[in-house]
């Protein structure tokens, strides 16, 4: 679904001023008054109109940032209650103005976009001003028909979709397809009191198969849009955190139904270097009854899943901390066991080395043998020696090893003889 009609970056400025002060509106201002003030200031500080004024760019961001707070009922309520501290600024939308960059930076931005990071660009100030003044050419787009065209970069083609009460009740679907995979935006404009049109929604195109597509749906129940910009940037930093924030990008669309009358849509050429080819089509949602029910069901399930993920993230973080704790314990215990066994092996090898040295003592008796002295009974010089020792010392029996294993048998034979 179309995203909001933001015309600039909403990244938080370094020094934050009161949003009401920035937009020059009172705290009890209506949504329409806030929107009107924003549009006026956004055009005033738009980068297109302030190429040589670097301060305008910062003011443009500040205006957009302030509007992003006051245009959202939840954020406005949070700010009114507890100020900026109540807002999660990191999760706020960020758009990058690329409408007036030099060739090198534009090429870099185009490459950056191709790498899979969605870059939101601002709508040209010229297009917005012409729409507000009502001087744009609006072509009719009857329901059930399609129009094919080619729009220049940073320009827009406007279309009027006229619907009756019955069609309005059924709901409307507007979609744009580019078989050439051109980059474009689908825009929806509201009628202004002065007869012009103010940008209300904008939808970035997305690659679908071998084409780029964008669509807006007005179905009489709350439809949501998925903004993946922040998530895509966060994914590079922390994939796990990005996963838990993934469904946070699902935001309620500001316009969910259209009344009978003529509604203004536009296809905006968002390509950096060449025109965008497209086909735009307007349809009555009655032909999508089954699809709309499925959409309603799946979005309800996503919202439920989002609440579940918020709870699960807390459990996951605790479990992850515990896992890290036991993993560290595992490493420590492994090191401790390895050191104990190594120490034991060192002690055992010292015994083995002594025993080996004694067994290699010359047969002429030089050097003392721990095993031979301990095997002799007190006061017995020769008779107490085992037959094996006799055989080995005499060197007469070559079957010493065999006799060793038959030690008891041989001794019993000797006694019986």
Protein backbone atom coordinates (compact mmCIF):
# COMPACT_ATOMS: atom_id res chain seq x y z
CA UNK A 1 0.00 0.00 0.00
CA UNK A 2 1.14 3.53 -0.59
CA UNK A 3 3.39 5.15 1.93
CA UNK A 4 2.78 8.59 3.31
CA UNK A 5 3.36 11.69 1.28
CA UNK A 6 6.66 12.55 2.91
CA UNK A 7 8.83 14.70 0.72
CA UNK A 8 12.11 14.52 2.59
CA UNK A 9 14.36 12.81 5.07
CA UNK A 10 12.92 12.02 8.48
CA UNK A 11 16.19 11.21 10.17
CA UNK A 12 16.37 13.03 13.49
CA UNK A 13 18.32 16.31 13.34
CA UNK A 14 21.29 16.77 15.67
CA UNK A 15 19.54 19.44 17.75
CA UNK A 16 15.83 18.73 18.03
CA UNK A 17 13.37 21.58 18.26
CA UNK A 18 9.73 21.31 19.28
CA UNK A 19 7.86 19.94 16.20
CA UNK A 20 5.02 22.40 16.79
CA UNK A 21 7.53 25.24 16.75
CA UNK A 22 9.22 23.93 13.59
CA UNK A 23 5.93 23.77 11.69
CA UNK A 24 4.63 27.00 13.30
CA UNK A 25 1.40 25.38 14.47
CA UNK A 26 -0.31 25.25 17.87
CA UNK A 27 -0.60 22.14 20.02
CA UNK A 28 -4.34 21.91 19.32
CA UNK A 29 -3.92 22.18 15.53
CA UNK A 30 -5.96 19.80 13.39
CA UNK A 31 -4.40 17.16 11.15
CA UNK A 32 -5.26 19.22 8.09
CA UNK A 33 -3.62 22.35 9.52
CA UNK A 34 -0.45 20.39 10.28
CA UNK A 35 -0.44 18.87 6.80
CA UNK A 36 -0.91 22.27 5.14
CA UNK A 37 1.89 23.82 7.20
CA UNK A 38 4.20 20.93 6.34
CA UNK A 39 3.55 21.14 2.60
CA UNK A 40 4.22 24.88 2.61
CA UNK A 41 7.52 24.59 4.49
CA UNK A 42 8.65 21.46 2.63
CA UNK A 43 8.31 23.30 -0.66
CA UNK A 44 10.04 26.37 0.78
CA UNK A 45 13.12 24.38 1.84
CA UNK A 46 13.02 21.73 -0.90
CA UNK A 47 16.58 20.96 -2.18
CA UNK A 48 15.49 21.65 -5.77
CA UNK A 49 14.84 25.28 -4.85
CA UNK A 50 17.85 25.76 -2.57
CA UNK A 51 20.83 24.39 -4.48
CA UNK A 52 23.20 27.08 -3.16
CA UNK A 53 21.82 27.13 0.39
CA UNK A 54 23.15 24.24 2.53
CA UNK A 55 21.09 25.38 5.54
CA UNK A 56 17.88 24.74 3.61
CA UNK A 57 18.69 21.02 3.42
CA UNK A 58 18.88 20.78 7.21
CA UNK A 59 15.67 22.78 7.62
CA UNK A 60 14.03 20.52 5.05
CA UNK A 61 14.98 17.46 7.14
CA UNK A 62 13.81 19.15 10.33
CA UNK A 63 10.43 19.98 8.80
CA UNK A 64 10.03 16.40 7.54
CA UNK A 65 11.12 14.96 10.90
CA UNK A 66 8.64 17.16 12.78
CA UNK A 67 5.84 16.21 10.42
CA UNK A 68 6.64 12.50 10.79
CA UNK A 69 5.87 12.91 14.51
CA UNK A 70 2.80 15.13 14.36
CA UNK A 71 1.20 13.31 11.43
CA UNK A 72 1.21 10.01 13.32
CA UNK A 73 -1.47 9.95 16.07
CA UNK A 74 0.51 7.55 18.27
CA UNK A 75 3.80 9.43 17.95
CA UNK A 76 2.06 12.76 18.49
CA UNK A 77 0.41 11.46 21.66
CA UNK A 78 3.71 10.03 22.91
CA UNK A 79 5.50 13.30 22.23
CA UNK A 80 2.76 15.35 23.91
CA UNK A 81 3.01 13.09 26.96
CA UNK A 82 6.75 12.64 27.41
CA UNK A 83 8.60 14.53 24.68
CA UNK A 84 11.31 13.08 22.44
CA UNK A 85 12.31 10.51 25.05
CA UNK A 86 9.08 8.61 24.36
CA UNK A 87 9.92 8.19 20.67
CA UNK A 88 12.03 5.43 19.18
CA UNK A 89 13.98 7.63 16.82
CA UNK A 90 16.07 4.75 15.51
CA UNK A 91 13.01 3.09 14.08
CA UNK A 92 11.84 6.19 12.27
CA UNK A 93 11.73 6.33 8.53
CA UNK A 94 14.63 7.80 6.62
CA UNK A 95 14.44 9.13 3.09
CA UNK A 96 17.34 10.40 1.04
CA UNK A 97 17.01 13.28 -1.39
CA UNK A 98 18.63 12.30 -4.67
CA UNK A 99 16.64 14.57 -6.96
CA UNK A 100 19.39 17.14 -7.38
CA UNK A 101 22.71 15.31 -7.04
CA UNK A 102 25.73 15.60 -9.29
CA UNK A 103 26.42 12.85 -11.84
CA UNK A 104 28.98 10.98 -9.71
CA UNK A 105 26.78 10.89 -6.61
CA UNK A 106 23.77 9.94 -8.70
CA UNK A 107 25.67 7.02 -10.20
CA UNK A 108 26.74 5.93 -6.72
CA UNK A 109 23.15 6.12 -5.49
CA UNK A 110 21.93 4.11 -8.49
CA UNK A 111 24.54 1.43 -7.76
CA UNK A 112 23.64 1.47 -4.07
CA UNK A 113 20.01 0.91 -4.98
CA UNK A 114 20.90 -2.00 -7.28
CA UNK A 115 22.71 -3.69 -4.39
CA UNK A 116 19.34 -4.18 -2.74
CA UNK A 117 19.17 -1.25 -0.32
CA UNK A 118 15.96 0.65 -1.05
CA UNK A 119 16.64 4.36 -1.38
CA UNK A 120 13.67 6.67 -1.14
CA UNK A 121 13.94 9.79 -3.24
CA UNK A 122 12.02 12.99 -2.84
CA UNK A 123 9.42 14.09 -5.35
CA UNK A 124 10.58 17.01 -7.49
CA UNK A 125 9.54 20.39 -6.13
CA UNK A 126 8.35 21.38 -9.60
CA UNK A 127 5.91 18.48 -9.73
CA UNK A 128 4.59 19.24 -6.23
CA UNK A 129 4.15 22.95 -6.93
CA UNK A 130 2.39 22.36 -10.24
CA UNK A 131 0.06 19.89 -8.53
CA UNK A 132 -0.70 22.33 -5.69
CA UNK A 133 -1.42 25.10 -8.17
CA UNK A 134 -3.69 22.80 -10.21
CA UNK A 135 -1.80 23.51 -13.44
CA UNK A 136 -1.07 19.86 -14.26
CA UNK A 137 -2.73 18.00 -17.14
CA UNK A 138 -4.98 15.22 -15.84
CA UNK A 139 -5.85 12.39 -18.23
CA UNK A 140 -8.98 10.33 -17.59
CA UNK A 141 -8.45 6.71 -16.51
CA UNK A 142 -11.83 4.93 -16.54
CA UNK A 143 -12.23 1.89 -14.30
CA UNK A 144 -11.37 -1.34 -16.09
CA UNK A 145 -9.05 0.35 -18.59
CA UNK A 146 -5.29 0.79 -18.79
CA UNK A 147 -2.97 3.43 -20.21
CA UNK A 148 0.61 2.92 -21.34
CA UNK A 149 3.14 5.74 -21.32
CA UNK A 150 6.71 6.93 -20.89
CA UNK A 151 7.45 9.56 -18.25
CA UNK A 152 10.67 11.57 -18.07
CA UNK A 153 12.89 11.40 -14.97
CA UNK A 154 11.66 13.58 -12.10
CA UNK A 155 8.42 14.26 -14.00
CA UNK A 156 4.91 12.89 -13.51
CA UNK A 157 1.89 11.89 -15.57
CA UNK A 158 -1.43 12.60 -13.82
CA UNK A 159 -4.61 10.54 -14.15
CA UNK A 160 -8.17 11.06 -12.95
CA UNK A 161 -10.15 8.02 -11.82
CA UNK A 162 -13.89 8.77 -11.56
CA UNK A 163 -16.04 6.38 -9.49
CA UNK A 164 -19.70 6.23 -8.48
CA UNK A 165 -21.17 5.34 -5.09
CA UNK A 166 -21.44 1.63 -5.85
CA UNK A 167 -17.84 1.42 -7.08
CA UNK A 168 -16.64 3.44 -4.10
CA UNK A 169 -18.44 1.03 -1.78
CA UNK A 170 -16.82 -1.99 -3.45
CA UNK A 171 -13.35 -0.45 -3.24
CA UNK A 172 -10.72 0.57 -5.79
CA UNK A 173 -7.39 -0.90 -6.89
CA UNK A 174 -4.85 1.15 -8.87
CA UNK A 175 -1.71 -0.55 -10.10
CA UNK A 176 1.27 0.27 -12.30
CA UNK A 177 3.57 -2.20 -14.09
CA UNK A 178 6.82 -1.60 -15.97
CA UNK A 179 7.88 -4.52 -18.17
CA UNK A 180 11.18 -2.69 -18.71
CA UNK A 181 11.77 -2.73 -14.92
CA UNK A 182 11.84 1.07 -14.83
CA UNK A 183 12.04 2.78 -11.44
CA UNK A 184 8.94 4.83 -10.65
CA UNK A 185 6.55 5.91 -7.91
CA UNK A 186 2.77 5.68 -7.80
CA UNK A 187 1.32 8.83 -6.20
CA UNK A 188 -2.13 9.70 -4.84
CA UNK A 189 -3.17 13.35 -4.45
CA UNK A 190 -5.93 14.84 -2.34
CA UNK A 191 -8.02 17.77 -3.54
CA UNK A 192 -7.00 21.06 -1.93
CA UNK A 193 -9.38 23.93 -1.10
CA UNK A 194 -7.76 26.13 -3.76
CA UNK A 195 -8.48 23.63 -6.51
CA UNK A 196 -5.00 22.09 -6.56
CA UNK A 197 -3.77 18.67 -5.48
CA UNK A 198 -1.67 17.84 -2.42
CA UNK A 199 0.45 14.69 -2.22
CA UNK A 200 -1.15 12.25 0.24
CA UNK A 201 0.36 8.83 -0.54
CA UNK A 202 3.36 7.53 -2.42
CA UNK A 203 4.25 3.96 -3.23
CA UNK A 204 7.73 2.89 -4.31
CA UNK A 205 7.90 0.33 -7.10
CA UNK A 206 9.22 -3.11 -6.31
CA UNK A 207 10.67 -5.81 -8.52
CA UNK A 208 8.12 -8.57 -9.14
CA UNK A 209 9.38 -11.32 -11.41
CA UNK A 210 10.64 -9.68 -14.61
CA UNK A 211 8.80 -6.39 -14.02
CA UNK A 212 8.59 -3.57 -11.48
CA UNK A 213 5.18 -2.96 -9.93
CA UNK A 214 3.36 -0.71 -7.47
CA UNK A 215 -0.23 -0.71 -6.25
CA UNK A 216 -2.67 1.12 -4.01
CA UNK A 217 -5.79 -0.43 -2.52
CA UNK A 218 -8.79 1.36 -1.03
CA UNK A 219 -10.91 -1.43 0.45
CA UNK A 220 -12.94 0.15 3.33
CA UNK A 221 -10.93 -1.63 6.00
CA UNK A 222 -7.56 -0.68 7.39
CA UNK A 223 -4.86 -1.58 4.90
CA UNK A 224 -1.20 -1.59 5.87
CA UNK A 225 1.97 -0.75 4.00
CA UNK A 226 5.33 -2.40 4.56
CA UNK A 227 8.29 -0.07 4.82
CA UNK A 228 11.47 -2.14 4.57
CA UNK A 229 14.00 0.70 4.29
CA UNK A 230 15.07 0.75 7.94
CA UNK A 231 15.07 -3.02 8.14
CA UNK A 232 17.32 -3.34 5.08
CA UNK A 233 19.85 -0.95 6.59
CA UNK A 234 19.64 -2.65 10.00
CA UNK A 235 20.13 -6.09 8.46
CA UNK A 236 23.73 -5.25 7.60
CA UNK A 237 24.45 -4.22 11.18
CA UNK A 238 22.59 -6.86 13.19
CA UNK A 239 20.57 -9.53 11.35
CA UNK A 240 18.93 -10.77 14.56
CA UNK A 241 17.75 -7.32 15.62
CA UNK A 242 16.57 -6.68 12.06
CA UNK A 243 14.45 -9.84 12.18
CA UNK A 244 12.64 -8.74 15.31
CA UNK A 245 12.03 -5.30 13.76
CA UNK A 246 10.91 -6.76 10.46
CA UNK A 247 7.18 -6.62 11.14
CA UNK A 248 7.48 -3.19 12.76
CA UNK A 249 7.65 -1.83 9.22
CA UNK A 250 3.97 -2.69 8.76
CA UNK A 251 2.23 0.65 9.19
CA UNK A 252 -1.44 1.61 8.73
CA UNK A 253 -2.09 3.45 5.49
CA UNK A 254 -3.42 6.95 5.94
CA UNK A 255 -6.22 6.53 3.36
CA UNK A 256 -8.31 3.35 3.40
CA UNK A 257 -11.35 4.32 1.33
CA UNK A 258 -12.35 6.64 -1.48
CA UNK A 259 -15.68 8.41 -1.86
CA UNK A 260 -17.58 8.84 -5.12
CA UNK A 261 -15.99 11.42 -7.42
CA UNK A 262 -12.73 11.92 -9.30
CA UNK A 263 -9.47 10.90 -7.65
CA UNK A 264 -6.04 11.97 -8.82
CA UNK A 265 -3.15 9.51 -9.25
CA UNK A 266 0.23 10.02 -10.89
CA UNK A 267 3.16 7.97 -12.18
CA UNK A 268 6.44 9.67 -11.24
CA UNK A 269 9.65 8.93 -13.20
CA UNK A 270 12.12 7.89 -10.52
CA UNK A 271 14.87 6.70 -12.85
CA UNK A 272 18.18 8.50 -12.49
CA UNK A 273 19.14 8.68 -16.17
CA UNK A 274 16.27 7.65 -18.41
CA UNK A 275 12.49 7.85 -18.77
CA UNK A 276 10.24 5.26 -17.12
CA UNK A 277 7.92 3.17 -19.28
CA UNK A 278 4.75 2.00 -17.56
CA UNK A 279 1.18 0.77 -17.79
CA UNK A 280 -1.34 2.09 -15.26
CA UNK A 281 -4.69 0.43 -14.59
CA UNK A 282 -7.67 1.20 -12.34
CA UNK A 283 -10.02 -1.60 -11.27
CA UNK A 284 -13.07 -2.08 -9.08
CA UNK A 285 -12.15 -4.25 -6.09
CA UNK A 286 -15.38 -6.24 -6.50
CA UNK A 287 -13.45 -8.53 -8.86
CA UNK A 288 -10.98 -9.12 -6.01
CA UNK A 289 -13.45 -10.09 -3.27
CA UNK A 290 -11.69 -13.33 -2.37
CA UNK A 291 -8.30 -11.63 -2.53
CA UNK A 292 -9.37 -8.75 -0.27
CA UNK A 293 -10.66 -11.19 2.35
CA UNK A 294 -7.35 -13.02 2.24
CA UNK A 295 -5.50 -9.71 2.58
CA UNK A 296 -7.62 -8.74 5.58
CA UNK A 297 -6.96 -12.13 7.19
CA UNK A 298 -3.22 -12.22 6.53
CA UNK A 299 -2.65 -8.68 7.80
CA UNK A 300 -4.53 -9.53 11.00
CA UNK A 301 -2.28 -12.57 11.41
CA UNK A 302 0.82 -10.44 10.79
CA UNK A 303 -0.25 -7.97 13.48
CA UNK A 304 -0.81 -10.86 15.90
CA UNK A 305 2.59 -12.28 14.96
CA UNK A 306 4.17 -8.86 15.53
CA UNK A 307 2.88 -8.83 19.12
CA UNK A 308 4.13 -12.39 19.60
CA UNK A 309 7.56 -11.43 18.27
CA UNK A 310 7.78 -8.52 20.68
CA UNK A 311 7.27 -10.95 23.57
CA UNK A 312 9.48 -13.60 22.04
CA UNK A 313 12.34 -11.12 21.57
CA UNK A 314 12.44 -10.61 25.34
CA UNK A 315 12.54 -14.39 25.90
CA UNK A 316 15.10 -14.82 23.14
CA UNK A 317 17.41 -12.15 24.55
CA UNK A 318 17.28 -13.76 27.99
CA UNK A 319 17.91 -17.22 26.55
CA UNK A 320 20.72 -15.85 24.39
CA UNK A 321 22.35 -14.25 27.43
CA UNK A 322 22.00 -17.55 29.32
CA UNK A 323 23.41 -19.44 26.33
CA UNK A 324 26.38 -17.09 26.21
CA UNK A 325 26.87 -17.64 29.91
CA UNK A 326 26.88 -21.45 29.65
CA UNK A 327 29.00 -21.31 26.48
CA UNK A 328 31.60 -19.32 28.37
CA UNK A 329 31.32 -21.80 31.24
CA UNK A 330 31.80 -24.65 28.75
CA UNK A 331 35.00 -23.06 27.43
CA UNK A 332 36.28 -22.52 30.97
CA UNK A 333 35.44 -26.09 32.07
CA UNK A 334 37.02 -27.56 28.95
CA UNK A 335 40.20 -25.62 29.60
CA UNK A 336 40.15 -26.71 33.25
CA UNK A 337 39.70 -30.40 32.37
CA UNK A 338 42.43 -30.22 29.71
CA UNK A 339 44.85 -28.70 32.21
CA UNK A 340 44.05 -31.32 34.89
CA UNK A 341 44.55 -34.23 32.47
CA UNK A 342 47.73 -32.68 31.14
CA UNK A 343 49.08 -32.35 34.66
CA UNK A 344 48.10 -35.97 35.40
CA UNK A 345 49.83 -37.18 32.21
CA UNK A 346 52.97 -35.28 33.17
CA UNK A 347 53.05 -36.98 36.58
CA UNK A 348 52.39 -40.42 35.07
CA UNK A 349 55.08 -39.99 32.44
CA UNK A 350 57.60 -39.21 35.19
CA UNK A 351 56.96 -42.71 36.68
CA UNK A 352 57.25 -44.33 33.29
CA UNK A 353 60.51 -42.59 32.54
CA UNK A 354 62.07 -43.80 35.89
CA UNK A 355 60.94 -47.39 35.28
CA UNK A 356 62.39 -47.37 31.78
CA UNK A 357 65.73 -46.08 33.05
CA UNK A 358 65.98 -48.88 35.69
CA UNK A 359 65.13 -51.66 33.25
CA UNK A 360 68.00 -50.57 31.02
CA UNK A 361 70.58 -51.06 33.85
CA UNK A 362 73.52 -53.30 32.72
CA UNK A 363 73.31 -56.97 33.80
CA UNK A 364 76.68 -56.84 35.60
CA UNK A 365 74.93 -55.27 38.58
CA UNK A 366 76.21 -51.73 38.31
CA UNK A 367 73.50 -49.41 39.44
CA UNK A 368 70.67 -50.31 41.77
CA UNK A 369 67.34 -51.76 40.71
CA UNK A 370 64.29 -50.71 42.67
CA UNK A 371 62.26 -53.68 41.50
CA UNK A 372 64.93 -56.33 42.17
CA UNK A 373 65.75 -55.13 45.66
CA UNK A 374 62.14 -54.99 46.63
CA UNK A 375 61.48 -58.48 45.32
CA UNK A 376 64.09 -60.08 47.58
CA UNK A 377 63.13 -61.34 51.01
CA UNK A 378 65.26 -60.07 53.95
CA UNK A 379 68.42 -62.15 54.36
CA UNK A 380 67.91 -64.05 51.11
CA UNK A 381 70.61 -63.35 48.57
CA UNK A 382 69.88 -65.82 45.76
CA UNK A 383 67.32 -68.52 46.44
CA UNK A 384 64.40 -66.18 46.54
CA UNK A 385 64.88 -65.00 42.98
CA UNK A 386 62.27 -66.08 40.50
CA UNK A 387 63.05 -68.56 37.70
CA UNK A 388 62.45 -65.81 35.19
CA UNK A 389 65.21 -63.70 36.73
CA UNK A 390 67.54 -66.71 36.62
CA UNK A 391 66.75 -67.32 32.98
CA UNK A 392 67.18 -63.73 31.98
CA UNK A 393 70.43 -63.26 33.93
CA UNK A 394 71.96 -66.50 32.61
CA UNK A 395 70.89 -65.70 29.13
CA UNK A 396 70.55 -69.47 28.44
CA UNK A 397 66.81 -69.69 27.72
CA UNK A 398 65.66 -67.86 24.58
CA UNK A 399 61.99 -68.48 25.44
CA UNK A 400 62.01 -66.05 28.36
CA UNK A 401 58.86 -64.30 27.18
CA UNK A 402 56.96 -67.59 26.86
CA UNK A 403 58.16 -68.74 30.28
CA UNK A 404 57.08 -65.38 31.75
CA UNK A 405 53.49 -66.14 30.90
CA UNK A 406 53.83 -69.71 32.21
CA UNK A 407 55.45 -68.51 35.43
CA UNK A 408 53.22 -70.33 37.92
CA UNK A 409 53.21 -73.53 35.90
CA UNK A 410 57.00 -73.61 35.65
CA UNK A 411 57.41 -72.95 39.38
CA UNK A 412 55.06 -75.82 40.23
CA UNK A 413 57.02 -78.06 37.89
CA UNK A 414 60.26 -77.14 39.65
CA UNK A 415 58.82 -77.91 43.07
CA UNK A 416 57.44 -81.22 41.94
CA UNK A 417 60.82 -82.17 40.42
